Amino acid sequence: MSRPATGTTSIALTPRQLWTRARGAALVLALVIIGGIVLATMRSTGSHGALDPRSADPHGSRAVAELLKARGVTITLATTLDEATAATDTASTLLVTAPDLLTDTQQSTLRRTITGTAGRTVLLGAGHPSLPTLAPDVTSATSTPVENRAPSCTLEAANRAGSVDLGGERYLTVPGADACYPSDGLPSLVRIPGPDATDTVLLGSPDILYNNRLDQQGNASLALQLLGSRPHLVWYLPSLSDTSAVDAPDDDTTGNFLALIPSGWLWGTLQLAVAALLAAIWRGRRLGPLVTERLPVALRASETTEGRARLYRKANARDRAATVLRTATRSRIAPALGVPSQDAHSPERLLPALSARLPETTADPRNLLFGPTPADDTTLIRLADQLDALEREVRTS
C-alpha cells in the first residue's frame, strides 16, 4: 500500500508579513537617518565646534584667531595633551578651552607644563574639577549668568578693554592676584602672577572669544590682550581622541564623555526612550481572562471519532492510532479490575490484575495492551477488534 504524502503546516511569518509589520518602523528610521545626514551636511561647512579657531559658527573663535594672526601671533591648534605640551614654551601662551574635561592624570601633566615652560596660561571656565590641580591657590564659587561688567580692578589689560561680557565661574582669590569683573564681590577674571614673567589667567566664561560676541563692548580688546601678549599661542582643544585620557583607568572618563555631549541630545534621547516605552505599552499584547464560547453546532461523538480516524489514516499514523486505542482500553478496564486510574497504564499493576480476572483467556494481554505498532492497516483493525473483545470479556467475567 502506498504511503500518502505527509506535511506540516508552518506558523512562521512569511517575508511579506514581516515586511508589512516592519515597514512603518523602517520608514521612520529611514527618515531619521536621512534627516540627520541632511542636518550634518548643512552644518558641516566652516563649522568645527565651539571655541575652535577654525570655526565660523556663532560659538566658534575664527574671528579672534584671524585678528591675532594679523597682529603677528602664530597659532598652534592642539587637540591632544602631547601636542599641547610639546608646542608650549616660555615664549608662548597656552589657552586651555575646557580644563574641567581633563582627567586627573592629564591635569597633573598640564600643571607641570604650566609651572615649567608656559609663559602665560589662560584657563576658560575652570571650576571645582580642575582648580585644585591647575590653580591650587584659587577656589571656585557659585557661577553667575554672562552679562556686561566693568573691570573694577587695577589690571592694565582690563582697564584698557573696559566693560566686557563675562560671567560663569566666580573665584575666591589669594593676596597678590588681580581680581577683575566682580559680581557680588567675587571676580570672574583672575590673574595669578608667577615667577619671572609667567602668569595664569582664569576666565569664568569663554564668551568674549565667541564670533557673535567679539564685536561687542570691549570683548575683542580683552581677548587680544590676554591671548596676544606672546608671539606664539597654543590653542588646546581637549578631544575624545586623546589617548592620554584612556591611559588613566582610575579617572572618571565617563563623566567627561557625557560632559562633551550637548544637553539637547541628552534630553532628546530621554524623550525618545519615554516615547518608545509608551509605544511598547500601547502595542503590547494584553491577555484577559479566558472566555467560554458556545460552539455554533453540536457534533456527535461518532463523527468526531470518524474525523480523527480519517486524519490518522491520511497521515499514515498507525502508531498514534494504536496508542489511542490501547490507552482508552486500559483506562476503561482498570476500574473493573480494581486498579486505580493512575496505575492503569502500568504493566506491573494492570497485567497481574487482568490475569487474575481472566486466567483462561486465549489472548496475550501484554501484546494487546502494551505491544508494538501494527505493521499495516489490516493489523491495526485486528488490534481494535481484539481490544474490544478483551474489554467485553473483562466486563462479563
Protein backbone atom coordinates (compact mmCIF):
# COMPACT_ATOMS: atom_id res chain seq x y z
CA MET A 1 0.00 0.00 0.00
CA SER A 2 1.45 3.38 -0.96
CA ARG A 3 2.18 5.88 1.78
CA PRO A 4 0.35 9.16 1.37
CA ALA A 5 2.39 12.31 1.40
CA THR A 6 2.78 13.84 4.80
CA GLY A 7 3.21 17.53 5.54
CA THR A 8 3.18 20.09 8.28
CA THR A 9 1.59 23.49 8.50
CA SER A 10 4.09 26.26 9.25
CA ILE A 11 3.08 29.08 11.59
CA ALA A 12 6.20 31.15 10.80
CA LEU A 13 5.65 34.60 9.32
CA THR A 14 6.26 34.93 5.60
CA PRO A 15 8.64 37.63 4.29
CA ARG A 16 5.63 39.60 3.07
CA GLN A 17 4.04 39.52 6.52
CA LEU A 18 7.32 40.57 8.15
CA TRP A 19 7.65 43.50 5.76
CA THR A 20 4.03 44.56 6.37
CA ARG A 21 4.65 44.66 10.10
CA ALA A 22 8.05 46.35 9.99
CA ARG A 23 7.64 48.85 7.16
CA GLY A 24 6.28 51.59 9.43
CA ALA A 25 9.26 51.41 11.81
CA ALA A 26 11.66 51.12 8.86
CA LEU A 27 10.16 54.25 7.28
CA VAL A 28 10.55 56.26 10.50
CA LEU A 29 14.15 55.05 10.94
CA ALA A 30 14.98 55.95 7.34
CA LEU A 31 13.53 59.44 7.78
CA VAL A 32 15.56 59.98 10.97
CA ILE A 33 18.78 58.86 9.26
CA ILE A 34 18.15 60.98 6.18
CA GLY A 35 17.30 64.00 8.33
CA GLY A 36 20.48 63.54 10.36
CA ILE A 37 22.61 63.33 7.22
CA VAL A 38 20.99 66.44 5.75
CA LEU A 39 21.39 68.37 9.01
CA ALA A 40 25.03 67.31 9.36
CA THR A 41 25.72 68.32 5.76
CA MET A 42 24.12 71.73 6.24
CA ARG A 43 26.07 72.39 9.43
CA SER A 44 29.40 70.98 8.34
CA THR A 45 30.60 73.91 6.20
CA GLY A 46 33.00 76.10 8.18
CA SER A 47 31.95 74.52 11.48
CA HIS A 48 34.40 72.77 13.76
CA GLY A 49 32.74 73.19 17.14
CA ALA A 50 32.64 75.74 19.93
CA LEU A 51 35.83 77.74 20.64
CA ASP A 52 37.52 76.21 17.60
CA PRO A 53 39.77 78.79 15.87
CA ARG A 54 38.75 77.27 12.52
CA SER A 55 35.01 77.65 13.09
CA ALA A 56 32.92 80.49 11.69
CA ASP A 57 29.87 79.45 13.71
CA PRO A 58 28.44 81.88 16.29
CA HIS A 59 30.20 80.00 19.10
CA GLY A 60 33.36 79.41 17.09
CA SER A 61 36.50 81.51 17.51
CA ARG A 62 37.72 82.06 13.99
CA ALA A 63 37.34 85.85 14.23
CA VAL A 64 39.66 86.29 17.21
CA ALA A 65 42.13 83.84 15.65
CA GLU A 66 42.29 85.90 12.46
CA LEU A 67 42.82 89.12 14.46
CA LEU A 68 45.67 87.50 16.39
CA LYS A 69 47.31 86.34 13.17
CA ALA A 70 47.03 89.86 11.78
CA ARG A 71 48.95 91.08 14.86
CA GLY A 72 51.76 88.64 14.12
CA VAL A 73 50.80 85.91 16.62
CA THR A 74 51.32 82.35 15.37
CA ILE A 75 48.65 79.88 16.47
CA THR A 76 49.18 76.16 17.01
CA LEU A 77 45.98 74.15 17.36
CA ALA A 78 46.41 71.15 19.68
CA THR A 79 43.73 68.51 20.19
CA THR A 80 45.80 66.18 22.39
CA LEU A 81 47.75 66.81 25.56
CA ASP A 82 51.01 65.67 23.97
CA GLU A 83 50.61 68.19 21.17
CA ALA A 84 49.87 70.99 23.65
CA THR A 85 52.83 70.28 25.94
CA ALA A 86 55.23 69.81 23.01
CA ALA A 87 54.28 73.17 21.46
CA THR A 88 54.40 75.18 24.71
CA ASP A 89 57.49 77.13 25.78
CA THR A 90 58.33 80.22 27.81
CA ALA A 91 57.61 82.50 24.82
CA SER A 92 54.08 81.17 24.29
CA THR A 93 50.59 81.49 25.68
CA LEU A 94 48.76 78.25 26.47
CA LEU A 95 44.97 78.51 26.10
CA VAL A 96 43.00 75.59 27.62
CA THR A 97 39.40 75.79 26.43
CA ALA A 98 37.88 73.08 28.65
CA PRO A 99 40.10 72.32 31.67
CA ASP A 100 37.28 70.62 33.60
CA LEU A 101 37.10 67.87 30.95
CA LEU A 102 40.67 66.74 31.58
CA THR A 103 41.34 63.68 33.69
CA ASP A 104 43.38 63.86 36.87
CA THR A 105 46.43 62.48 35.09
CA GLN A 106 46.07 64.98 32.26
CA GLN A 107 45.69 67.85 34.73
CA SER A 108 48.86 66.81 36.57
CA THR A 109 50.81 66.71 33.30
CA LEU A 110 49.41 70.08 32.28
CA ARG A 111 50.31 71.55 35.66
CA ARG A 112 53.95 70.56 35.17
CA THR A 113 53.87 72.28 31.78
CA ILE A 114 52.35 75.43 33.26
CA THR A 115 54.93 75.72 36.02
CA GLY A 116 57.87 74.70 33.86
CA THR A 117 57.53 76.07 30.35
CA ALA A 118 54.45 78.19 29.77
CA GLY A 119 54.81 81.96 29.64
CA ARG A 120 51.10 82.58 30.18
CA THR A 121 48.28 80.13 30.75
CA VAL A 122 44.64 81.04 30.14
CA LEU A 123 42.03 78.68 31.60
CA LEU A 124 38.44 79.08 30.37
CA GLY A 125 35.66 78.23 32.80
CA ALA A 126 37.87 76.31 35.25
CA GLY A 127 35.80 75.02 38.17
CA HIS A 128 35.92 72.53 41.03
CA PRO A 129 37.14 69.57 38.88
CA SER A 130 40.32 71.34 37.70
CA LEU A 131 41.19 74.22 40.04
CA PRO A 132 42.80 72.12 42.82
CA THR A 133 45.41 70.91 40.33
CA LEU A 134 45.79 73.69 37.77
CA ALA A 135 45.33 76.68 40.12
CA PRO A 136 45.59 75.37 43.69
CA ASP A 137 45.59 78.86 45.24
CA VAL A 138 42.14 79.71 43.84
CA THR A 139 38.73 78.39 44.91
CA SER A 140 35.62 78.34 42.75
CA ALA A 141 32.39 79.93 43.99
CA THR A 142 28.86 79.86 42.60
CA SER A 143 28.52 80.75 38.93
CA THR A 144 26.55 83.67 37.54
CA PRO A 145 24.97 84.48 34.15
CA VAL A 146 27.03 86.20 31.48
CA GLU A 147 26.38 89.94 31.49
CA ASN A 148 28.11 93.23 30.79
CA ARG A 149 30.53 94.04 33.63
CA ALA A 150 33.03 96.73 34.43
CA PRO A 151 36.64 95.79 35.29
CA SER A 152 36.79 97.34 38.79
CA CYS A 153 40.45 96.38 39.19
CA THR A 154 43.97 97.67 38.51
CA LEU A 155 44.87 95.17 35.76
CA GLU A 156 46.06 97.25 32.80
CA ALA A 157 44.56 94.96 30.13
CA ALA A 158 41.13 95.03 31.80
CA ASN A 159 41.12 98.81 32.18
CA ARG A 160 42.05 99.30 28.53
CA ALA A 161 39.28 96.93 27.43
CA GLY A 162 36.64 98.41 29.71
CA SER A 163 33.30 96.67 30.08
CA VAL A 164 33.05 93.15 28.63
CA ASP A 165 30.57 90.27 28.51
CA LEU A 166 31.71 87.98 31.29
CA GLY A 167 30.20 85.66 33.86
CA GLY A 168 30.18 81.95 34.58
CA GLU A 169 32.59 80.85 37.31
CA ARG A 170 33.48 83.22 40.13
CA TYR A 171 36.60 82.84 42.23
CA LEU A 172 37.94 83.37 45.73
CA THR A 173 41.41 84.77 45.17
CA VAL A 174 44.64 84.99 47.13
CA PRO A 175 46.60 88.13 48.03
CA GLY A 176 48.64 89.45 45.15
CA ALA A 177 46.27 88.28 42.42
CA ASP A 178 44.43 90.66 40.10
CA ALA A 179 40.67 90.23 40.56
CA CYS A 180 38.50 91.84 37.87
CA TYR A 181 34.89 91.99 36.65
CA PRO A 182 33.30 91.16 40.01
CA SER A 183 29.73 90.10 40.70
CA ASP A 184 28.61 90.43 44.31
CA GLY A 185 32.25 90.98 45.24
CA LEU A 186 33.62 87.84 43.55
CA PRO A 187 35.61 88.25 40.30
CA SER A 188 35.11 86.39 37.02
CA LEU A 189 38.65 87.18 35.83
CA VAL A 190 41.67 86.41 37.97
CA ARG A 191 45.34 86.83 37.06
CA ILE A 192 47.81 84.97 39.25
CA PRO A 193 51.40 86.16 38.75
CA GLY A 194 54.09 83.51 38.66
CA PRO A 195 57.89 83.52 38.70
CA ASP A 196 59.64 85.85 36.28
CA ALA A 197 57.15 86.98 33.59
CA THR A 198 54.83 83.97 33.79
CA ASP A 199 51.23 84.17 34.95
CA THR A 200 47.94 82.25 34.94
CA VAL A 201 44.67 83.86 33.89
CA LEU A 202 41.30 82.42 34.87
CA LEU A 203 38.25 83.45 32.83
CA GLY A 204 34.90 82.47 34.30
CA SER A 205 33.32 82.08 30.85
CA PRO A 206 34.62 81.93 27.27
CA ASP A 207 32.04 84.31 25.77
CA ILE A 208 34.50 87.06 24.84
CA LEU A 209 36.10 84.63 22.35
CA TYR A 210 32.88 83.75 20.50
CA ASN A 211 32.42 85.07 16.98
CA ASN A 212 28.99 86.51 17.77
CA ARG A 213 30.23 88.47 20.83
CA LEU A 214 33.68 89.60 19.71
CA ASP A 215 32.46 92.94 18.32
CA GLN A 216 30.50 93.84 21.45
CA GLN A 217 31.73 96.02 24.34
CA GLY A 218 35.44 95.57 24.96
CA ASN A 219 35.44 91.83 24.25
CA ALA A 220 37.85 91.96 21.33
CA SER A 221 40.30 94.21 23.19
CA LEU A 222 40.43 91.98 26.26
CA ALA A 223 40.72 88.78 24.17
CA LEU A 224 43.58 90.17 22.07
CA GLN A 225 45.47 91.41 25.12
CA LEU A 226 45.12 88.14 27.04
CA LEU A 227 45.97 85.87 24.11
CA GLY A 228 48.32 88.11 22.15
CA SER A 229 50.85 89.07 24.83
CA ARG A 230 53.31 86.43 23.49
CA PRO A 231 54.33 85.80 19.88
CA HIS A 232 53.07 82.19 19.97
CA LEU A 233 49.65 80.91 21.06
CA VAL A 234 48.95 77.22 21.74
CA TRP A 235 45.19 76.70 21.39
CA TYR A 236 44.38 73.47 23.26
CA LEU A 237 41.00 71.87 22.46
CA PRO A 238 40.61 68.66 24.54
CA SER A 239 39.14 65.84 22.45
CA LEU A 240 37.93 62.26 22.86
CA SER A 241 40.68 61.05 20.52
CA ASP A 242 43.36 61.93 23.07
CA THR A 243 44.97 58.66 24.17
CA SER A 244 46.30 60.25 27.36
CA ALA A 245 42.74 60.16 28.74
CA VAL A 246 42.41 56.42 28.01
CA ASP A 247 45.67 55.62 29.83
CA ALA A 248 44.13 56.68 33.16
CA PRO A 249 41.72 53.89 34.19
CA ASP A 250 41.04 55.35 37.63
CA ASP A 251 39.75 58.66 36.28
CA ASP A 252 36.09 59.39 35.75
CA THR A 253 36.27 59.45 31.96
CA THR A 254 32.57 58.56 31.70
CA GLY A 255 31.61 61.87 33.23
CA ASN A 256 34.00 63.67 30.90
CA PHE A 257 32.43 61.97 27.90
CA LEU A 258 28.91 62.89 28.99
CA ALA A 259 30.02 66.47 29.54
CA LEU A 260 31.02 66.66 25.88
CA ILE A 261 27.53 65.71 24.74
CA PRO A 262 25.24 68.72 24.22
CA SER A 263 22.36 68.82 26.71
CA GLY A 264 19.83 68.84 23.86
CA TRP A 265 20.95 65.40 22.73
CA LEU A 266 20.63 64.01 26.28
CA TRP A 267 17.09 65.36 26.63
CA GLY A 268 16.21 64.16 23.13
CA THR A 269 17.42 60.65 23.96
CA LEU A 270 15.36 60.65 27.16
CA GLN A 271 12.25 61.74 25.26
CA LEU A 272 12.78 59.02 22.65
CA ALA A 273 13.14 56.41 25.39
CA VAL A 274 9.87 57.53 27.01
CA ALA A 275 8.12 57.50 23.63
CA ALA A 276 9.42 54.00 22.90
CA LEU A 277 8.17 52.80 26.30
CA LEU A 278 4.72 54.29 25.72
CA ALA A 279 4.59 52.74 22.23
CA ALA A 280 5.52 49.34 23.66
CA ILE A 281 2.74 49.62 26.26
CA TRP A 282 0.25 50.73 23.59
CA ARG A 283 1.14 48.00 21.12
CA GLY A 284 1.78 45.27 23.69
CA ARG A 285 -0.47 42.22 23.73
CA ARG A 286 -2.93 42.42 26.60
CA LEU A 287 -4.31 38.99 27.56
CA GLY A 288 -7.56 38.95 29.50
CA PRO A 289 -9.34 36.09 31.29
CA LEU A 290 -10.44 33.01 29.36
CA VAL A 291 -13.89 33.35 27.81
CA THR A 292 -16.07 30.32 27.18
CA GLU A 293 -17.73 30.29 23.79
CA ARG A 294 -20.66 28.19 22.67
CA LEU A 295 -19.99 26.13 19.58
CA PRO A 296 -22.13 27.06 16.58
CA VAL A 297 -23.07 23.39 16.05
CA ALA A 298 -23.00 20.26 18.19
CA LEU A 299 -21.07 17.33 16.73
CA ARG A 300 -21.85 13.74 17.57
CA ALA A 301 -19.08 11.74 19.21
CA SER A 302 -19.13 9.22 16.36
CA GLU A 303 -18.49 11.96 13.80
CA THR A 304 -15.58 13.26 15.85
CA THR A 305 -14.15 9.76 16.09
CA GLU A 306 -14.51 9.20 12.36
CA GLY A 307 -12.91 12.53 11.62
CA ARG A 308 -9.89 11.77 13.78
CA ALA A 309 -9.63 8.33 12.23
CA ARG A 310 -9.53 9.80 8.74
CA LEU A 311 -6.80 12.22 9.82
CA TYR A 312 -4.74 9.34 11.27
CA ARG A 313 -5.24 7.35 8.08
CA LYS A 314 -4.29 10.31 5.87
CA ALA A 315 -1.12 10.87 7.89
CA ASN A 316 -0.43 7.11 7.99
CA ALA A 317 -0.23 7.45 11.79
CA ARG A 318 -0.85 3.85 12.81
CA ASP A 319 1.39 4.30 15.84
CA ARG A 320 -0.70 7.18 17.12
CA ALA A 321 -4.00 5.36 16.40
CA ALA A 322 -2.80 2.20 18.16
CA THR A 323 -1.68 4.24 21.17
CA VAL A 324 -5.07 5.94 21.42
CA LEU A 325 -6.93 2.60 21.20
CA ARG A 326 -4.76 0.90 23.83
CA THR A 327 -4.80 3.90 26.19
CA ALA A 328 -8.61 4.13 26.04
CA THR A 329 -8.99 0.38 26.64
CA ARG A 330 -6.65 0.40 29.65
CA SER A 331 -8.47 3.41 31.13
CA ARG A 332 -11.86 1.65 30.82
CA ILE A 333 -10.90 -1.80 32.14
CA ALA A 334 -8.74 -0.61 35.07
CA PRO A 335 -11.70 0.28 37.35
CA ALA A 336 -13.34 -3.08 36.58
CA LEU A 337 -10.11 -4.86 37.62
CA GLY A 338 -9.79 -2.85 40.84
CA VAL A 339 -6.72 -0.94 39.61
CA PRO A 340 -6.52 2.77 40.44
CA SER A 341 -6.80 5.14 37.49
CA GLN A 342 -3.26 6.46 38.00
CA ASP A 343 -1.90 2.90 37.62
CA ALA A 344 -4.00 1.97 34.58
CA HIS A 345 -1.04 2.40 32.23
CA SER A 346 1.49 0.50 34.36
CA PRO A 347 2.10 -3.08 33.10
CA GLU A 348 3.27 -4.17 36.55
CA ARG A 349 -0.08 -3.23 38.13
CA LEU A 350 -2.58 -3.80 35.31
CA LEU A 351 -1.45 -7.14 33.83
CA PRO A 352 -1.42 -9.16 37.11
CA ALA A 353 -4.95 -7.94 37.89
CA LEU A 354 -6.07 -8.85 34.36
CA SER A 355 -4.56 -12.36 34.59
CA ALA A 356 -6.29 -12.90 37.93
CA ARG A 357 -9.65 -11.91 36.39
CA LEU A 358 -9.17 -13.87 33.11
CA PRO A 359 -6.85 -16.80 33.85
CA GLU A 360 -8.01 -18.85 30.82
CA THR A 361 -8.11 -16.15 28.13
CA THR A 362 -6.54 -17.09 24.81
CA ALA A 363 -5.36 -13.52 24.02
CA ASP A 364 -1.97 -12.24 25.03
CA PRO A 365 -2.83 -9.27 27.30
CA ARG A 366 0.68 -7.80 27.22
CA ASN A 367 0.83 -7.83 23.42
CA LEU A 368 -2.67 -6.35 23.16
CA LEU A 369 -2.32 -3.58 25.74
CA PHE A 370 1.40 -2.75 25.52
CA GLY A 371 2.53 -4.29 22.25
CA PRO A 372 4.34 -2.90 19.21
CA THR A 373 2.93 -0.66 16.50
CA PRO A 374 0.83 -2.50 13.88
CA ALA A 375 2.67 -3.03 10.60
CA ASP A 376 -0.30 -2.24 8.33
CA ASP A 377 -3.93 -1.17 8.36
CA THR A 378 -5.19 -4.77 8.50
CA THR A 379 -3.19 -5.45 11.66
CA LEU A 380 -4.49 -2.19 13.14
CA ILE A 381 -8.11 -3.19 12.51
CA ARG A 382 -7.46 -6.62 14.03
CA LEU A 383 -5.95 -4.93 17.09
CA ALA A 384 -9.06 -2.78 17.52
CA ASP A 385 -11.32 -5.86 17.33
CA GLN A 386 -9.17 -7.77 19.85
CA LEU A 387 -9.15 -4.86 22.28
CA ASP A 388 -12.93 -4.60 22.00
CA ALA A 389 -13.28 -8.34 22.67
CA LEU A 390 -10.95 -8.16 25.66
CA GLU A 391 -12.92 -5.30 27.16
CA ARG A 392 -16.23 -7.19 26.76
CA GLU A 393 -14.66 -10.27 28.31
CA VAL A 394 -13.49 -8.25 31.34
CA ARG A 395 -16.91 -6.68 31.84
CA THR A 396 -18.83 -10.01 31.55
CA SER A 397 -16.45 -12.09 33.68
